[in-house]
Amino acid sequence: MIHHSEISDSDLRSKIKRQEIRFGGNKKLQIYGLLNCKSGKRMKRENRVFFSTEKEAVESNFRPCGHCMKTEYKNWKNGLI
């Protein structure tokens, strides 16, 4: 997990371009989702974290976003994850 406040914007862009970062999350709400999610783009920088894999997010006790990851969210809500 990488905290947005601990990484420079140029490093962040290069990690996204190299696909080292594929998911973003809100550490306060414990929600993760896709980097292009409208909900994720609105969160405060100090609450934003990044993950390289979905497995890493789930292992950090984050749940899927209900907006950009509807199928995963439904599975999580029904107890399948």
Protein backbone atom coordinates (compact mmCIF):
# COMPACT_ATOMS: atom_id res chain seq x y z
CA MET A 1 0.00 0.00 0.00
CA ILE A 2 1.36 3.41 -1.01
CA HIS A 3 0.01 6.57 0.63
CA HIS A 4 -0.62 9.42 -1.82
CA SER A 5 0.92 11.93 0.58
CA GLU A 6 4.19 9.95 0.58
CA ILE A 7 4.79 9.81 -3.18
CA SER A 8 5.58 12.59 -5.63
CA ASP A 9 3.25 13.21 -8.55
CA SER A 10 5.93 12.27 -11.09
CA ASP A 11 6.67 8.96 -9.30
CA LEU A 12 2.95 8.25 -9.12
CA ARG A 13 2.47 8.84 -12.86
CA SER A 14 5.43 6.62 -13.74
CA LYS A 15 4.19 3.79 -11.48
CA ILE A 16 0.73 4.00 -13.05
CA LYS A 17 2.24 4.00 -16.54
CA ARG A 18 4.33 0.89 -15.69
CA GLN A 19 1.19 -0.65 -14.11
CA GLU A 20 2.84 -0.96 -10.70
CA ILE A 21 -0.25 0.84 -9.36
CA ARG A 22 -3.60 -0.42 -10.62
CA PHE A 23 -6.11 0.40 -7.84
CA GLY A 24 -6.79 3.35 -5.58
CA GLY A 25 -8.41 3.35 -2.18
CA ASN A 26 -9.74 5.48 0.63
CA LYS A 27 -7.91 4.57 3.83
CA LYS A 28 -10.54 6.24 6.03
CA LEU A 29 -13.50 4.36 4.50
CA GLN A 30 -11.52 1.17 3.66
CA ILE A 31 -12.80 1.14 0.03
CA TYR A 32 -10.75 0.40 -3.10
CA GLY A 33 -11.57 0.83 -6.76
CA LEU A 34 -10.33 1.60 -10.24
CA LEU A 35 -8.10 4.61 -10.80
CA ASN A 36 -10.62 6.24 -13.16
CA CYS A 37 -13.56 6.03 -10.70
CA LYS A 38 -15.42 9.32 -10.22
CA SER A 39 -15.83 8.64 -6.50
CA GLY A 40 -12.12 8.00 -6.08
CA LYS A 41 -11.15 11.18 -7.89
CA ARG A 42 -13.15 13.25 -5.38
CA MET A 43 -11.45 11.97 -2.23
CA LYS A 44 -8.93 13.98 -0.28
CA ARG A 45 -5.26 13.38 -1.02
CA GLU A 46 -4.48 12.52 2.62
CA ASN A 47 -7.06 9.69 2.53
CA ARG A 48 -5.92 8.21 -0.81
CA VAL A 49 -3.80 5.05 -1.00
CA PHE A 50 -2.73 2.91 -3.95
CA PHE A 51 -2.46 -0.84 -4.51
CA SER A 52 -0.71 -2.88 -7.16
CA THR A 53 -3.21 -5.75 -7.03
CA GLU A 54 -6.77 -6.37 -5.97
CA LYS A 55 -5.47 -9.11 -3.66
CA GLU A 56 -3.29 -6.57 -1.84
CA ALA A 57 -6.33 -4.33 -1.26
CA VAL A 58 -8.46 -7.20 0.05
CA GLU A 59 -5.64 -8.38 2.34
CA SER A 60 -5.50 -4.84 3.75
CA ASN A 61 -9.20 -5.22 4.68
CA PHE A 62 -10.51 -2.87 2.00
CA ARG A 63 -13.84 -3.56 0.28
CA PRO A 64 -14.64 -3.02 -3.44
CA CYS A 65 -16.21 0.23 -4.60
CA GLY A 66 -19.93 0.00 -5.37
CA HIS A 67 -19.65 2.43 -8.30
CA CYS A 68 -16.75 1.20 -10.43
CA MET A 69 -16.56 -2.45 -9.31
CA LYS A 70 -20.23 -3.44 -9.15
CA THR A 71 -19.74 -7.20 -9.59
CA GLU A 72 -16.96 -7.41 -6.99
CA TYR A 73 -19.01 -5.23 -4.62
CA LYS A 74 -22.07 -7.49 -4.97
CA ASN A 75 -19.88 -10.55 -4.28
CA TRP A 76 -18.39 -8.83 -1.24
CA LYS A 77 -21.83 -7.79 0.03
CA ASN A 78 -23.15 -11.34 -0.37
CA GLY A 79 -20.16 -12.72 1.53
CA LEU A 80 -18.47 -14.40 -1.44
CA ILE A 81 -15.18 -12.53 -0.96
